[in-house]
Amino acid sequence: MIGYTTLGTHDLPRAAAFYDELFAVIGAKRTMDFGRGIAWGRSMSEPGFAVTLPFDGQPATVGNGVMIALAADGPATVQALHAKALALGGTDEGAPGPRGGNFYAAYFRDLDGNKLNAFCMTAE
């Protein structure tokens, strides 16, 4: 159902460097670079993720209650994404761990303050 997601940034080169390294953890690479923004994914036939300078020229803002969830293949990948985000200057919003049932997740914010989550479903 989701084709792609887009988050705003104040500094495209800085955001690009953050996401290049973060998405390398899950094998995603740049799929598009359109001047004002960059997109990543595993292929053009799977959902993608993009960051862009706002098209209206106004400052990028963080949406209250907005979060992008990144699917991981297991707890080790959730932990690796969270650790990489923090190593790149992101901030912790919730350490990796079980969140009820078989939902395992970690939460962090990128360099612009956008909230992301890495998650997987585990065997109960």
PDB file of N, CA and C in Angstrom:
ATOM      1  N   MET A   1       0.814  -1.188   0.000  1.00  0.00           N
ATOM      2  CA  MET A   1       0.000   0.000   0.000  1.00  0.00           C
ATOM      3  C   MET A   1       0.862   1.259   0.000  1.00  0.00           C
ATOM      4  N   ILE A   2       1.959   1.290   0.734  1.00  0.00           N
ATOM      5  CA  ILE A   2       2.810   2.475   0.765  1.00  0.00           C
ATOM      6  C   ILE A   2       3.767   2.419  -0.420  1.00  0.00           C
ATOM      7  N   GLY A   3       3.814   3.481  -1.192  1.00  0.00           N
ATOM      8  CA  GLY A   3       4.739   3.572  -2.315  1.00  0.00           C
ATOM      9  C   GLY A   3       6.081   4.124  -1.876  1.00  0.00           C
ATOM     10  N   TYR A   4       6.022   5.233  -1.119  1.00  0.00           N
ATOM     11  CA  TYR A   4       7.229   5.828  -0.555  1.00  0.00           C
ATOM     12  C   TYR A   4       6.830   6.817   0.519  1.00  0.00           C
ATOM     13  N   THR A   5       7.807   7.193   1.341  1.00  0.00           N
ATOM     14  CA  THR A   5       7.611   8.211   2.362  1.00  0.00           C
ATOM     15  C   THR A   5       8.614   9.323   2.105  1.00  0.00           C
ATOM     16  N   THR A   6       8.292  10.510   2.563  1.00  0.00           N
ATOM     17  CA  THR A   6       9.191  11.656   2.396  1.00  0.00           C
ATOM     18  C   THR A   6       9.235  12.449   3.695  1.00  0.00           C
ATOM     19  N   LEU A   7      10.452  12.817   4.110  1.00  0.00           N
ATOM     20  CA  LEU A   7      10.651  13.688   5.256  1.00  0.00           C
ATOM     21  C   LEU A   7      11.398  14.925   4.797  1.00  0.00           C
ATOM     22  N   GLY A   8      11.137  16.039   5.450  1.00  0.00           N
ATOM     23  CA  GLY A   8      11.840  17.272   5.132  1.00  0.00           C
ATOM     24  C   GLY A   8      13.176  17.361   5.836  1.00  0.00           C
ATOM     25  N   THR A   9      14.075  18.134   5.249  1.00  0.00           N
ATOM     26  CA  THR A   9      15.376  18.375   5.851  1.00  0.00           C
ATOM     27  C   THR A   9      15.772  19.835   5.671  1.00  0.00           C
ATOM     28  N   HIS A  10      16.618  20.310   6.573  1.00  0.00           N
ATOM     29  CA  HIS A  10      17.205  21.655   6.460  1.00  0.00           C
ATOM     30  C   HIS A  10      18.510  21.603   5.700  1.00  0.00           C
ATOM     31  N   ASP A  11      19.159  20.445   5.669  1.00  0.00           N
ATOM     32  CA  ASP A  11      20.507  20.297   5.129  1.00  0.00           C
ATOM     33  C   ASP A  11      20.577  18.982   4.361  1.00  0.00           C
ATOM     34  N   LEU A  12      20.334  19.048   3.056  1.00  0.00           N
ATOM     35  CA  LEU A  12      20.268  17.836   2.242  1.00  0.00           C
ATOM     36  C   LEU A  12      21.575  17.043   2.241  1.00  0.00           C
ATOM     37  N   PRO A  13      22.741  17.661   2.063  1.00  0.00           N
ATOM     38  CA  PRO A  13      23.970  16.851   2.091  1.00  0.00           C
ATOM     39  C   PRO A  13      24.172  16.120   3.421  1.00  0.00           C
ATOM     40  N   ARG A  14      23.879  16.771   4.522  1.00  0.00           N
ATOM     41  CA  ARG A  14      24.021  16.144   5.843  1.00  0.00           C
ATOM     42  C   ARG A  14      23.028  15.002   6.004  1.00  0.00           C
ATOM     43  N   ALA A  15      21.779  15.222   5.609  1.00  0.00           N
ATOM     44  CA  ALA A  15      20.764  14.172   5.695  1.00  0.00           C
ATOM     45  C   ALA A  15      21.131  13.002   4.783  1.00  0.00           C
ATOM     46  N   ALA A  16      21.635  13.301   3.586  1.00  0.00           N
ATOM     47  CA  ALA A  16      22.014  12.248   2.648  1.00  0.00           C
ATOM     48  C   ALA A  16      23.119  11.369   3.226  1.00  0.00           C
ATOM     49  N   ALA A  17      24.109  11.969   3.843  1.00  0.00           N
ATOM     50  CA  ALA A  17      25.203  11.199   4.447  1.00  0.00           C
ATOM     51  C   ALA A  17      24.668  10.307   5.569  1.00  0.00           C
ATOM     52  N   PHE A  18      23.759  10.845   6.406  1.00  0.00           N
ATOM     53  CA  PHE A  18      23.142  10.076   7.494  1.00  0.00           C
ATOM     54  C   PHE A  18      22.417   8.862   6.927  1.00  0.00           C
ATOM     55  N   TYR A  19      21.536   9.070   5.942  1.00  0.00           N
ATOM     56  CA  TYR A  19      20.724   7.981   5.417  1.00  0.00           C
ATOM     57  C   TYR A  19      21.518   7.027   4.534  1.00  0.00           C
ATOM     58  N   ASP A  20      22.548   7.500   3.826  1.00  0.00           N
ATOM     59  CA  ASP A  20      23.407   6.575   3.074  1.00  0.00           C
ATOM     60  C   ASP A  20      23.971   5.509   4.007  1.00  0.00           C
ATOM     61  N   GLU A  21      24.500   5.938   5.139  1.00  0.00           N
ATOM     62  CA  GLU A  21      25.100   4.997   6.091  1.00  0.00           C
ATOM     63  C   GLU A  21      24.050   4.176   6.836  1.00  0.00           C
ATOM     64  N   LEU A  22      22.949   4.822   7.239  1.00  0.00           N
ATOM     65  CA  LEU A  22      21.905   4.101   7.964  1.00  0.00           C
ATOM     66  C   LEU A  22      21.308   2.999   7.091  1.00  0.00           C
ATOM     67  N   PHE A  23      20.952   3.326   5.865  1.00  0.00           N
ATOM     68  CA  PHE A  23      20.292   2.345   5.008  1.00  0.00           C
ATOM     69  C   PHE A  23      21.236   1.281   4.478  1.00  0.00           C
ATOM     70  N   ALA A  24      22.537   1.510   4.542  1.00  0.00           N
ATOM     71  CA  ALA A  24      23.491   0.466   4.180  1.00  0.00           C
ATOM     72  C   ALA A  24      23.329  -0.744   5.102  1.00  0.00           C
ATOM     73  N   VAL A  25      22.880  -0.508   6.340  1.00  0.00           N
ATOM     74  CA  VAL A  25      22.665  -1.594   7.305  1.00  0.00           C
ATOM     75  C   VAL A  25      21.635  -2.590   6.785  1.00  0.00           C
ATOM     76  N   ILE A  26      20.652  -2.117   6.028  1.00  0.00           N
ATOM     77  CA  ILE A  26      19.594  -3.008   5.525  1.00  0.00           C
ATOM     78  C   ILE A  26      19.660  -3.210   4.012  1.00  0.00           C
ATOM     79  N   GLY A  27      20.769  -2.847   3.413  1.00  0.00           N
ATOM     80  CA  GLY A  27      20.958  -3.105   1.991  1.00  0.00           C
ATOM     81  C   GLY A  27      20.207  -2.183   1.056  1.00  0.00           C
ATOM     82  N   ALA A  28      19.764  -1.038   1.542  1.00  0.00           N
ATOM     83  CA  ALA A  28      19.087  -0.068   0.679  1.00  0.00           C
ATOM     84  C   ALA A  28      20.110   0.942   0.165  1.00  0.00           C
ATOM     85  N   LYS A  29      19.905   1.369  -1.072  1.00  0.00           N
ATOM     86  CA  LYS A  29      20.808   2.326  -1.713  1.00  0.00           C
ATOM     87  C   LYS A  29      19.994   3.458  -2.330  1.00  0.00           C
ATOM     88  N   ARG A  30      20.693   4.500  -2.749  1.00  0.00           N
ATOM     89  CA  ARG A  30      20.007   5.594  -3.436  1.00  0.00           C
ATOM     90  C   ARG A  30      19.368   5.073  -4.722  1.00  0.00           C
ATOM     91  N   THR A  31      18.095   5.412  -4.886  1.00  0.00           N
ATOM     92  CA  THR A  31      17.390   5.045  -6.115  1.00  0.00           C
ATOM     93  C   THR A  31      17.116   6.262  -6.986  1.00  0.00           C
ATOM     94  N   MET A  32      17.118   7.445  -6.381  1.00  0.00           N
ATOM     95  CA  MET A  32      16.891   8.684  -7.136  1.00  0.00           C
ATOM     96  C   MET A  32      17.584   9.843  -6.441  1.00  0.00           C
ATOM     97  N   ASP A  33      18.073  10.778  -7.241  1.00  0.00           N
ATOM     98  CA  ASP A  33      18.611  12.041  -6.738  1.00  0.00           C
ATOM     99  C   ASP A  33      18.036  13.097  -7.660  1.00  0.00           C
ATOM    100  N   PHE A  34      17.093  13.885  -7.136  1.00  0.00           N
ATOM    101  CA  PHE A  34      16.386  14.835  -7.983  1.00  0.00           C
ATOM    102  C   PHE A  34      16.662  16.282  -7.594  1.00  0.00           C
ATOM    103  N   GLY A  35      17.877  16.555  -7.168  1.00  0.00           N
ATOM    104  CA  GLY A  35      18.282  17.929  -6.872  1.00  0.00           C
ATOM    105  C   GLY A  35      17.830  18.417  -5.513  1.00  0.00           C
ATOM    106  N   ARG A  36      16.539  18.529  -5.311  1.00  0.00           N
ATOM    107  CA  ARG A  36      15.988  18.999  -4.044  1.00  0.00           C
ATOM    108  C   ARG A  36      15.806  17.867  -3.052  1.00  0.00           C
ATOM    109  N   GLY A  37      16.013  16.629  -3.511  1.00  0.00           N
ATOM    110  CA  GLY A  37      15.800  15.491  -2.644  1.00  0.00           C
ATOM    111  C   GLY A  37      16.491  14.241  -3.147  1.00  0.00           C
ATOM    112  N   ILE A  38      16.530  13.239  -2.274  1.00  0.00           N
ATOM    113  CA  ILE A  38      17.165  11.965  -2.570  1.00  0.00           C
ATOM    114  C   ILE A  38      16.265  10.865  -2.030  1.00  0.00           C
ATOM    115  N   ALA A  39      16.164   9.769  -2.786  1.00  0.00           N
ATOM    116  CA  ALA A  39      15.366   8.619  -2.362  1.00  0.00           C
ATOM    117  C   ALA A  39      16.248   7.383  -2.255  1.00  0.00           C
ATOM    118  N   TRP A  40      15.873   6.500  -1.329  1.00  0.00           N
ATOM    119  CA  TRP A  40      16.572   5.237  -1.105  1.00  0.00           C
ATOM    120  C   TRP A  40      15.571   4.091  -1.180  1.00  0.00           C
ATOM    121  N   GLY A  41      16.076   2.928  -1.507  1.00  0.00           N
ATOM    122  CA  GLY A  41      15.261   1.725  -1.500  1.00  0.00           C
ATOM    123  C   GLY A  41      16.100   0.534  -1.900  1.00  0.00           C
ATOM    124  N   ARG A  42      15.457  -0.613  -1.928  1.00  0.00           N
ATOM    125  CA  ARG A  42      16.138  -1.828  -2.392  1.00  0.00           C
ATOM    126  C   ARG A  42      15.902  -2.020  -3.877  1.00  0.00           C
ATOM    127  N   SER A  43      14.763  -1.529  -4.373  1.00  0.00           N
ATOM    128  CA  SER A  43      14.452  -1.572  -5.798  1.00  0.00           C
ATOM    129  C   SER A  43      13.321  -0.581  -6.056  1.00  0.00           C
ATOM    130  N   MET A  44      13.103  -0.266  -7.311  1.00  0.00           N
ATOM    131  CA  MET A  44      12.021   0.664  -7.654  1.00  0.00           C
ATOM    132  C   MET A  44      10.645   0.004  -7.522  1.00  0.00           C
ATOM    133  N   SER A  45      10.599  -1.308  -7.344  1.00  0.00           N
ATOM    134  CA  SER A  45       9.313  -1.992  -7.200  1.00  0.00           C
ATOM    135  C   SER A  45       8.910  -2.194  -5.736  1.00  0.00           C
ATOM    136  N   GLU A  46       9.757  -1.744  -4.798  1.00  0.00           N
ATOM    137  CA  GLU A  46       9.444  -1.816  -3.374  1.00  0.00           C
ATOM    138  C   GLU A  46       9.265  -0.405  -2.825  1.00  0.00           C
ATOM    139  N   PRO A  47       8.592  -0.266  -1.678  1.00  0.00           N
ATOM    140  CA  PRO A  47       8.447   1.068  -1.094  1.00  0.00           C
ATOM    141  C   PRO A  47       9.808   1.733  -0.863  1.00  0.00           C
ATOM    142  N   GLY A  48       9.832   3.044  -1.015  1.00  0.00           N
ATOM    143  CA  GLY A  48      11.062   3.812  -0.851  1.00  0.00           C
ATOM    144  C   GLY A  48      10.939   4.860   0.241  1.00  0.00           C
ATOM    145  N   PHE A  49      12.045   5.523   0.490  1.00  0.00           N
ATOM    146  CA  PHE A  49      12.154   6.550   1.528  1.00  0.00           C
ATOM    147  C   PHE A  49      12.908   7.723   0.929  1.00  0.00           C
ATOM    148  N   ALA A  50      12.429   8.939   1.143  1.00  0.00           N
ATOM    149  CA  ALA A  50      13.099  10.114   0.586  1.00  0.00           C
ATOM    150  C   ALA A  50      13.214  11.222   1.620  1.00  0.00           C
ATOM    151  N   VAL A  51      14.225  12.058   1.446  1.00  0.00           N
ATOM    152  CA  VAL A  51      14.333  13.314   2.177  1.00  0.00           C
ATOM    153  C   VAL A  51      14.432  14.417   1.141  1.00  0.00           C
ATOM    154  N   THR A  52      13.854  15.558   1.467  1.00  0.00           N
ATOM    155  CA  THR A  52      13.815  16.647   0.509  1.00  0.00           C
ATOM    156  C   THR A  52      13.825  17.997   1.214  1.00  0.00           C
ATOM    157  N   LEU A  53      14.322  18.973   0.524  1.00  0.00           N
ATOM    158  CA  LEU A  53      14.138  20.351   0.963  1.00  0.00           C
ATOM    159  C   LEU A  53      12.679  20.682   0.679  1.00  0.00           C
ATOM    160  N   PRO A  54      11.968  21.326   1.574  1.00  0.00           N
ATOM    161  CA  PRO A  54      10.552  21.619   1.334  1.00  0.00           C
ATOM    162  C   PRO A  54      10.349  22.409   0.030  1.00  0.00           C
ATOM    163  N   PHE A  55       9.383  21.979  -0.744  1.00  0.00           N
ATOM    164  CA  PHE A  55       9.117  22.609  -2.032  1.00  0.00           C
ATOM    165  C   PHE A  55       8.601  24.034  -1.912  1.00  0.00           C
ATOM    166  N   ASP A  56       7.985  24.384  -0.769  1.00  0.00           N
ATOM    167  CA  ASP A  56       7.464  25.750  -0.606  1.00  0.00           C
ATOM    168  C   ASP A  56       8.531  26.738  -0.152  1.00  0.00           C
ATOM    169  N   GLY A  57       9.766  26.245   0.063  1.00  0.00           N
ATOM    170  CA  GLY A  57      10.851  27.128   0.473  1.00  0.00           C
ATOM    171  C   GLY A  57      10.852  27.482   1.951  1.00  0.00           C
ATOM    172  N   GLN A  58       9.856  27.038   2.685  1.00  0.00           N
ATOM    173  CA  GLN A  58       9.778  27.300   4.118  1.00  0.00           C
ATOM    174  C   GLN A  58      10.647  26.277   4.857  1.00  0.00           C
ATOM    175  N   PRO A  59      10.980  26.548   6.115  1.00  0.00           N
ATOM    176  CA  PRO A  59      11.790  25.592   6.877  1.00  0.00           C
ATOM    177  C   PRO A  59      11.091  24.239   7.027  1.00  0.00           C
ATOM    178  N   ALA A  60      11.875  23.174   7.001  1.00  0.00           N
ATOM    179  CA  ALA A  60      11.343  21.841   7.277  1.00  0.00           C
ATOM    180  C   ALA A  60      10.936  21.791   8.745  1.00  0.00           C
ATOM    181  N   THR A  61       9.808  21.172   9.035  1.00  0.00           N
ATOM    182  CA  THR A  61       9.352  21.016  10.404  1.00  0.00           C
ATOM    183  C   THR A  61       9.050  19.549  10.676  1.00  0.00           C
ATOM    184  N   VAL A  62       9.098  19.175  11.927  1.00  0.00           N
ATOM    185  CA  VAL A  62       8.804  17.809  12.352  1.00  0.00           C
ATOM    186  C   VAL A  62       7.326  17.722  12.675  1.00  0.00           C
ATOM    187  N   GLY A  63       6.645  16.712  12.165  1.00  0.00           N
ATOM    188  CA  GLY A  63       5.230  16.531  12.447  1.00  0.00           C
ATOM    189  C   GLY A  63       5.018  15.873  13.797  1.00  0.00           C
ATOM    190  N   ASN A  64       4.197  16.471  14.633  1.00  0.00           N
ATOM    191  CA  ASN A  64       3.874  15.902  15.931  1.00  0.00           C
ATOM    192  C   ASN A  64       3.006  14.673  15.710  1.00  0.00           C
ATOM    193  N   GLY A  65       3.484  13.522  16.143  1.00  0.00           N
ATOM    194  CA  GLY A  65       2.765  12.268  15.937  1.00  0.00           C
ATOM    195  C   GLY A  65       3.165  11.542  14.669  1.00  0.00           C
ATOM    196  N   VAL A  66       4.059  12.126  13.869  1.00  0.00           N
ATOM    197  CA  VAL A  66       4.513  11.491  12.637  1.00  0.00           C
ATOM    198  C   VAL A  66       5.727  10.622  12.940  1.00  0.00           C
ATOM    199  N   MET A  67       5.729   9.411  12.383  1.00  0.00           N
ATOM    200  CA  MET A  67       6.862   8.513  12.536  1.00  0.00           C
ATOM    201  C   MET A  67       6.909   7.603  11.318  1.00  0.00           C
ATOM    202  N   ILE A  68       8.109   7.327  10.845  1.00  0.00           N
ATOM    203  CA  ILE A  68       8.302   6.385   9.751  1.00  0.00           C
ATOM    204  C   ILE A  68       8.876   5.103  10.359  1.00  0.00           C
ATOM    205  N   ALA A  69       8.287   3.960  10.026  1.00  0.00           N
ATOM    206  CA  ALA A  69       8.744   2.673  10.535  1.00  0.00           C
ATOM    207  C   ALA A  69       9.545   1.947   9.464  1.00  0.00           C
ATOM    208  N   LEU A  70      10.736   1.485   9.832  1.00  0.00           N
ATOM    209  CA  LEU A  70      11.625   0.758   8.934  1.00  0.00           C
ATOM    210  C   LEU A  70      11.571  -0.723   9.286  1.00  0.00           C
ATOM    211  N   ALA A  71      11.148  -1.558   8.339  1.00  0.00           N
ATOM    212  CA  ALA A  71      11.053  -2.992   8.572  1.00  0.00           C
ATOM    213  C   ALA A  71      12.443  -3.614   8.591  1.00  0.00           C
ATOM    214  N   ALA A  72      12.705  -4.419   9.598  1.00  0.00           N
ATOM    215  CA  ALA A  72      13.977  -5.120   9.743  1.00  0.00           C
ATOM    216  C   ALA A  72      13.716  -6.625   9.711  1.00  0.00           C
ATOM    217  N   ASP A  73      14.755  -7.395   9.404  1.00  0.00           N
ATOM    218  CA  ASP A  73      14.581  -8.841   9.289  1.00  0.00           C
ATOM    219  C   ASP A  73      14.750  -9.596  10.608  1.00  0.00           C
ATOM    220  N   GLY A  74      15.049  -8.882  11.686  1.00  0.00           N
ATOM    221  CA  GLY A  74      15.165  -9.528  12.983  1.00  0.00           C
ATOM    222  C   GLY A  74      15.681  -8.571  14.033  1.00  0.00           C
ATOM    223  N   PRO A  75      15.698  -8.985  15.295  1.00  0.00           N
ATOM    224  CA  PRO A  75      16.151  -8.118  16.374  1.00  0.00           C
ATOM    225  C   PRO A  75      17.576  -7.582  16.183  1.00  0.00           C
ATOM    226  N   ALA A  76      18.474  -8.388  15.649  1.00  0.00           N
ATOM    227  CA  ALA A  76      19.852  -7.923  15.459  1.00  0.00           C
ATOM    228  C   ALA A  76      19.895  -6.735  14.493  1.00  0.00           C
ATOM    229  N   THR A  77      19.057  -6.757  13.479  1.00  0.00           N
ATOM    230  CA  THR A  77      19.017  -5.639  12.521  1.00  0.00           C
ATOM    231  C   THR A  77      18.376  -4.416  13.156  1.00  0.00           C
ATOM    232  N   VAL A  78      17.345  -4.613  13.969  1.00  0.00           N
ATOM    233  CA  VAL A  78      16.750  -3.498  14.714  1.00  0.00           C
ATOM    234  C   VAL A  78      17.830  -2.837  15.572  1.00  0.00           C
ATOM    235  N   GLN A  79      18.581  -3.652  16.292  1.00  0.00           N
ATOM    236  CA  GLN A  79      19.650  -3.132  17.148  1.00  0.00           C
ATOM    237  C   GLN A  79      20.717  -2.410  16.328  1.00  0.00           C
ATOM    238  N   ALA A  80      21.089  -2.974  15.177  1.00  0.00           N
ATOM    239  CA  ALA A  80      22.115  -2.359  14.325  1.00  0.00           C
ATOM    240  C   ALA A  80      21.648  -1.016  13.766  1.00  0.00           C
ATOM    241  N   LEU A  81      20.389  -0.928  13.333  1.00  0.00           N
ATOM    242  CA  LEU A  81      19.860   0.340  12.818  1.00  0.00           C
ATOM    243  C   LEU A  81      19.861   1.403  13.914  1.00  0.00           C
ATOM    244  N   HIS A  82      19.397   1.046  15.095  1.00  0.00           N
ATOM    245  CA  HIS A  82      19.349   1.980  16.212  1.00  0.00           C
ATOM    246  C   HIS A  82      20.756   2.456  16.571  1.00  0.00           C
ATOM    247  N   ALA A  83      21.690   1.518  16.683  1.00  0.00           N
ATOM    248  CA  ALA A  83      23.074   1.872  17.023  1.00  0.00           C
ATOM    249  C   ALA A  83      23.700   2.757  15.961  1.00  0.00           C
ATOM    250  N   LYS A  84      23.456   2.458  14.686  1.00  0.00           N
ATOM    251  CA  LYS A  84      24.018   3.261  13.597  1.00  0.00           C
ATOM    252  C   LYS A  84      23.435   4.665  13.626  1.00  0.00           C
ATOM    253  N   ALA A  85      22.138   4.775  13.836  1.00  0.00           N
ATOM    254  CA  ALA A  85      21.505   6.097  13.897  1.00  0.00           C
ATOM    255  C   ALA A  85      22.130   6.947  15.001  1.00  0.00           C
ATOM    256  N   LEU A  86      22.338   6.360  16.164  1.00  0.00           N
ATOM    257  CA  LEU A  86      22.933   7.112  17.271  1.00  0.00           C
ATOM    258  C   LEU A  86      24.395   7.452  16.982  1.00  0.00           C
ATOM    259  N   ALA A  87      25.124   6.534  16.372  1.00  0.00           N
ATOM    260  CA  ALA A  87      26.530   6.783  16.032  1.00  0.00           C
ATOM    261  C   ALA A  87      26.664   7.913  15.012  1.00  0.00           C
ATOM    262  N   LEU A  88      25.646   8.081  14.175  1.00  0.00           N
ATOM    263  CA  LEU A  88      25.656   9.128  13.148  1.00  0.00           C
ATOM    264  C   LEU A  88      25.144  10.474  13.670  1.00  0.00           C
ATOM    265  N   GLY A  89      24.783  10.537  14.944  1.00  0.00           N
ATOM    266  CA  GLY A  89      24.324  11.790  15.534  1.00  0.00           C
ATOM    267  C   GLY A  89      22.838  11.867  15.783  1.00  0.00           C
ATOM    268  N   GLY A  90      22.102  10.793  15.476  1.00  0.00           N
ATOM    269  CA  GLY A  90      20.679  10.757  15.796  1.00  0.00           C
ATOM    270  C   GLY A  90      20.488  10.665  17.300  1.00  0.00           C
ATOM    271  N   THR A  91      19.258  10.841  17.762  1.00  0.00           N
ATOM    272  CA  THR A  91      18.985  10.787  19.194  1.00  0.00           C
ATOM    273  C   THR A  91      18.056   9.622  19.527  1.00  0.00           C
ATOM    274  N   ASP A  92      18.263   9.059  20.698  1.00  0.00           N
ATOM    275  CA  ASP A  92      17.504   7.904  21.166  1.00  0.00           C
ATOM    276  C   ASP A  92      16.101   8.322  21.579  1.00  0.00           C
ATOM    277  N   GLU A  93      15.114   7.549  21.121  1.00  0.00           N
ATOM    278  CA  GLU A  93      13.722   7.757  21.530  1.00  0.00           C
ATOM    279  C   GLU A  93      13.153   6.487  22.149  1.00  0.00           C
ATOM    280  N   GLY A  94      13.983   5.472  22.310  1.00  0.00           N
ATOM    281  CA  GLY A  94      13.536   4.209  22.903  1.00  0.00           C
ATOM    282  C   GLY A  94      14.458   3.082  22.478  1.00  0.00           C
ATOM    283  N   ALA A  95      15.182   2.518  23.417  1.00  0.00           N
ATOM    284  CA  ALA A  95      16.158   1.474  23.130  1.00  0.00           C
ATOM    285  C   ALA A  95      15.500   0.232  22.529  1.00  0.00           C
ATOM    286  N   PRO A  96      16.269  -0.566  21.794  1.00  0.00           N
ATOM    287  CA  PRO A  96      15.722  -1.799  21.218  1.00  0.00           C
ATOM    288  C   PRO A  96      15.190  -2.730  22.305  1.00  0.00           C
ATOM    289  N   GLY A  97      14.062  -3.345  22.005  1.00  0.00           N
ATOM    290  CA  GLY A  97      13.496  -4.307  22.932  1.00  0.00           C
ATOM    291  C   GLY A  97      12.087  -4.694  22.549  1.00  0.00           C
ATOM    292  N   PRO A  98      11.533  -5.700  23.238  1.00  0.00           N
ATOM    293  CA  PRO A  98      10.155  -6.118  22.980  1.00  0.00           C
ATOM    294  C   PRO A  98       9.185  -5.018  23.400  1.00  0.00           C
ATOM    295  N   ARG A  99       8.138  -4.871  22.629  1.00  0.00           N
ATOM    296  CA  ARG A  99       7.138  -3.841  22.909  1.00  0.00           C
ATOM    297  C   ARG A  99       5.746  -4.441  23.091  1.00  0.00           C
ATOM    298  N   GLY A 100       5.705  -5.713  23.433  1.00  0.00           N
ATOM    299  CA  GLY A 100       4.423  -6.382  23.619  1.00  0.00           C
ATOM    300  C   GLY A 100       4.172  -7.371  22.505  1.00  0.00           C
ATOM    301  N   GLY A 101       3.688  -8.530  22.875  1.00  0.00           N
ATOM    302  CA  GLY A 101       3.459  -9.568  21.880  1.00  0.00           C
ATOM    303  C   GLY A 101       4.766  -9.919  21.184  1.00  0.00           C
ATOM    304  N   ASN A 102       4.730 -10.039  19.884  1.00  0.00           N
ATOM    305  CA  ASN A 102       5.938 -10.370  19.143  1.00  0.00           C
ATOM    306  C   ASN A 102       6.492  -9.181  18.360  1.00  0.00           C
ATOM    307  N   PHE A 103       6.186  -7.971  18.837  1.00  0.00           N
ATOM    308  CA  PHE A 103       6.668  -6.734  18.214  1.00  0.00           C
ATOM    309  C   PHE A 103       7.955  -6.303  18.913  1.00  0.00           C
ATOM    310  N   TYR A 104       9.053  -6.218  18.165  1.00  0.00           N
ATOM    311  CA  TYR A 104      10.361  -5.829  18.693  1.00  0.00           C
ATOM    312  C   TYR A 104      10.761  -4.550  17.972  1.00  0.00           C
ATOM    313  N   ALA A 105      11.127  -3.502  18.720  1.00  0.00           N
ATOM    314  CA  ALA A 105      11.357  -2.216  18.076  1.00  0.00           C
ATOM    315  C   ALA A 105      12.368  -1.356  18.809  1.00  0.00           C
ATOM    316  N   ALA A 106      12.853  -0.350  18.096  1.00  0.00           N
ATOM    317  CA  ALA A 106      13.713   0.694  18.646  1.00  0.00           C
ATOM    318  C   ALA A 106      13.307   1.999  17.980  1.00  0.00           C
ATOM    319  N   TYR A 107      13.461   3.099  18.680  1.00  0.00           N
ATOM    320  CA  TYR A 107      13.014   4.401  18.191  1.00  0.00           C
ATOM    321  C   TYR A 107      14.167   5.401  18.250  1.00  0.00           C
ATOM    322  N   PHE A 108      14.233   6.270  17.239  1.00  0.00           N
ATOM    323  CA  PHE A 108      15.271   7.297  17.203  1.00  0.00           C
ATOM    324  C   PHE A 108      14.821   8.462  16.342  1.00  0.00           C
ATOM    325  N   ARG A 109      15.530   9.574  16.472  1.00  0.00           N
ATOM    326  CA  ARG A 109      15.288  10.744  15.630  1.00  0.00           C
ATOM    327  C   ARG A 109      16.517  10.992  14.764  1.00  0.00           C
ATOM    328  N   ASP A 110      16.265  11.442  13.530  1.00  0.00           N
ATOM    329  CA  ASP A 110      17.368  11.758  12.623  1.00  0.00           C
ATOM    330  C   ASP A 110      17.945  13.125  12.962  1.00  0.00           C
ATOM    331  N   LEU A 111      18.831  13.633  12.145  1.00  0.00           N
ATOM    332  CA  LEU A 111      19.525  14.891  12.421  1.00  0.00           C
ATOM    333  C   LEU A 111      18.610  16.109  12.347  1.00  0.00           C
ATOM    334  N   ASP A 112      17.454  15.980  11.682  1.00  0.00           N
ATOM    335  CA  ASP A 112      16.478  17.068  11.608  1.00  0.00           C
ATOM    336  C   ASP A 112      15.380  16.928  12.654  1.00  0.00           C
ATOM    337  N   GLY A 113      15.444  15.879  13.476  1.00  0.00           N
ATOM    338  CA  GLY A 113      14.437  15.671  14.512  1.00  0.00           C
ATOM    339  C   GLY A 113      13.258  14.811  14.090  1.00  0.00           C
ATOM    340  N   ASN A 114      13.287  14.250  12.875  1.00  0.00           N
ATOM    341  CA  ASN A 114      12.225  13.359  12.421  1.00  0.00           C
ATOM    342  C   ASN A 114      12.310  12.039  13.179  1.00  0.00           C
ATOM    343  N   LYS A 115      11.157  11.530  13.615  1.00  0.00           N
ATOM    344  CA  LYS A 115      11.133  10.297  14.395  1.00  0.00           C
ATOM    345  C   LYS A 115      11.010   9.083  13.476  1.00  0.00           C
ATOM    346  N   LEU A 116      11.874   8.101  13.733  1.00  0.00           N
ATOM    347  CA  LEU A 116      11.836   6.831  13.010  1.00  0.00           C
ATOM    348  C   LEU A 116      11.820   5.674  13.996  1.00  0.00           C
ATOM    349  N   ASN A 117      11.418   4.531  13.497  1.00  0.00           N
ATOM    350  CA  ASN A 117      11.323   3.314  14.273  1.00  0.00           C
ATOM    351  C   ASN A 117      11.871   2.192  13.409  1.00  0.00           C
ATOM    352  N   ALA A 118      12.678   1.333  13.978  1.00  0.00           N
ATOM    353  CA  ALA A 118      13.083   0.092  13.326  1.00  0.00           C
ATOM    354  C   ALA A 118      12.360  -1.019  14.065  1.00  0.00           C
ATOM    355  N   PHE A 119      11.735  -1.939  13.324  1.00  0.00           N
ATOM    356  CA  PHE A 119      10.934  -2.974  13.978  1.00  0.00           C
ATOM    357  C   PHE A 119      11.020  -4.302  13.229  1.00  0.00           C
ATOM    358  N   CYS A 120      10.668  -5.332  13.944  1.00  0.00           N
ATOM    359  CA  CYS A 120      10.462  -6.647  13.335  1.00  0.00           C
ATOM    360  C   CYS A 120       9.451  -7.404  14.165  1.00  0.00           C
ATOM    361  N   MET A 121       8.913  -8.447  13.592  1.00  0.00           N
ATOM    362  CA  MET A 121       8.013  -9.329  14.318  1.00  0.00           C
ATOM    363  C   MET A 121       8.823 -10.574  14.652  1.00  0.00           C
ATOM    364  N   THR A 122       8.738 -11.031  15.891  1.00  0.00           N
ATOM    365  CA  THR A 122       9.494 -12.192  16.339  1.00  0.00           C
ATOM    366  C   THR A 122       8.559 -13.350  16.658  1.00  0.00           C
ATOM    367  N   ALA A 123       9.111 -14.534  16.790  1.00  0.00           N
ATOM    368  CA  ALA A 123       8.305 -15.680  17.228  1.00  0.00           C
ATOM    369  C   ALA A 123       8.000 -15.485  18.701  1.00  0.00           C
ATOM    370  N   GLU A 124       6.791 -15.764  19.089  1.00  0.00           N
ATOM    371  CA  GLU A 124       6.418 -15.582  20.508  1.00  0.00           C
ATOM    372  C   GLU A 124       6.943 -16.695  21.358  1.00  0.00           C
TER     373      GLU A 124
END
